[in-house]
Protein backbone atom coordinates (compact mmCIF):
# COMPACT_ATOMS: atom_id res chain seq x y z
CA MET A 1 77.50 100.17 24.73
CA VAL A 2 78.92 96.79 25.68
CA LYS A 3 76.81 93.93 27.00
CA ALA A 4 78.16 90.77 28.61
CA ASP A 5 77.12 87.57 26.80
CA ASN A 6 75.68 85.64 29.73
CA THR A 7 73.88 88.45 31.55
CA LYS A 8 73.21 91.11 28.88
CA LYS A 9 74.22 93.55 31.62
CA GLU A 10 75.66 96.80 30.34
CA MET A 11 79.23 97.51 31.39
CA LYS A 12 82.20 99.65 30.48
CA MET A 13 85.54 98.19 29.49
CA LEU A 14 88.72 99.48 27.92
CA LEU A 15 90.68 97.36 25.48
CA ASP A 16 94.04 98.99 24.79
CA SER A 17 95.48 97.72 21.51
CA GLY A 18 98.92 99.00 22.56
CA ALA A 19 98.99 97.15 25.89
CA GLY A 20 100.78 93.86 26.37
CA THR A 21 97.66 92.36 27.96
CA HIS A 22 94.26 93.36 29.34
CA CYS A 23 93.64 93.49 33.11
CA CYS A 24 90.51 93.65 35.23
CA PRO A 25 89.65 93.67 38.95
CA LYS A 26 88.37 90.39 40.43
CA GLU A 27 84.81 91.78 40.59
CA PHE A 28 84.67 92.30 36.81
CA ALA A 29 82.55 89.74 34.91
CA GLU A 30 82.30 87.34 37.84
CA HIS A 31 79.49 85.57 35.96
CA GLU A 32 82.24 84.12 33.71
CA GLY A 33 83.44 81.98 36.61
CA LYS A 34 86.63 81.56 38.61
CA PRO A 35 89.79 82.78 36.88
CA GLY A 36 91.90 80.08 35.21
CA ASP A 37 95.51 79.57 36.24
CA TYR A 38 98.15 81.72 34.60
CA ASN A 39 101.63 82.46 35.88
CA LEU A 40 102.73 85.83 34.49
CA GLN A 41 104.37 88.66 36.45
CA LEU A 42 102.54 91.91 35.64
CA LYS A 43 103.55 95.51 36.29
CA ALA A 44 101.52 98.70 36.18
CA ALA A 45 102.58 101.62 33.99
CA ASN A 46 104.30 103.15 37.04
CA GLY A 47 106.34 99.98 37.60
CA ALA A 48 104.36 98.69 40.59
CA LYS A 49 103.88 94.90 40.68
CA LEU A 50 100.33 93.62 40.18
CA LYS A 51 98.97 90.48 41.84
CA ASN A 52 97.90 88.11 39.05
CA MET A 53 95.01 85.85 40.09
CA GLY A 54 94.62 84.13 36.70
CA THR A 55 92.78 84.81 33.45
CA ARG A 56 89.12 85.24 32.59
CA ALA A 57 87.71 85.10 29.05
CA VAL A 58 84.84 87.58 28.73
CA GLY A 59 82.36 87.42 25.86
CA PHE A 60 80.60 90.63 24.86
CA ASP A 61 78.44 92.35 22.26
CA VAL A 62 79.23 95.88 21.10
CA VAL A 63 75.88 97.47 20.26
CA GLY A 64 75.78 100.29 17.71
CA ASP A 65 73.41 103.20 17.12
CA PHE A 66 70.97 101.11 15.08
CA ASN A 67 70.88 98.16 17.54
CA ASN A 68 73.27 96.20 15.37
CA ALA A 69 75.78 94.20 17.42
CA VAL A 70 79.23 92.75 16.90
CA SER A 71 80.20 89.86 19.16
CA GLY A 72 83.67 89.39 20.54
CA GLN A 73 85.70 87.88 23.33
CA ALA A 74 88.72 89.18 25.24
CA GLU A 75 91.00 87.52 27.77
CA PHE A 76 91.69 89.53 30.90
CA HIS A 77 94.27 88.94 33.63
CA VAL A 78 92.40 89.21 36.93
CA THR A 79 94.54 91.49 39.10
CA ASP A 80 94.41 93.85 42.06
CA VAL A 81 93.83 96.87 39.78
CA GLU A 82 91.30 99.51 40.82
CA LYS A 83 89.19 101.98 38.90
CA PRO A 84 90.71 105.47 39.12
CA ASN A 85 88.90 108.03 41.27
């Protein structure tokens, strides 16, 4: 389970250690504020261009089976990606 720092709201996220960067839709972690400026051309795995709206640093706690937690932070590029159906 992952909980956002500011809201303690449970959410799901995928951090791909083999990806060049992490992306999220604009609705993800809006409590972290407006995305910061970042000029980087992004492409999806299929080669389609992604609209880059900036970056958002998201703090989180990964909670284990015994309620122990590890805190972390990841930077996401806010893009026009969508959750698969």
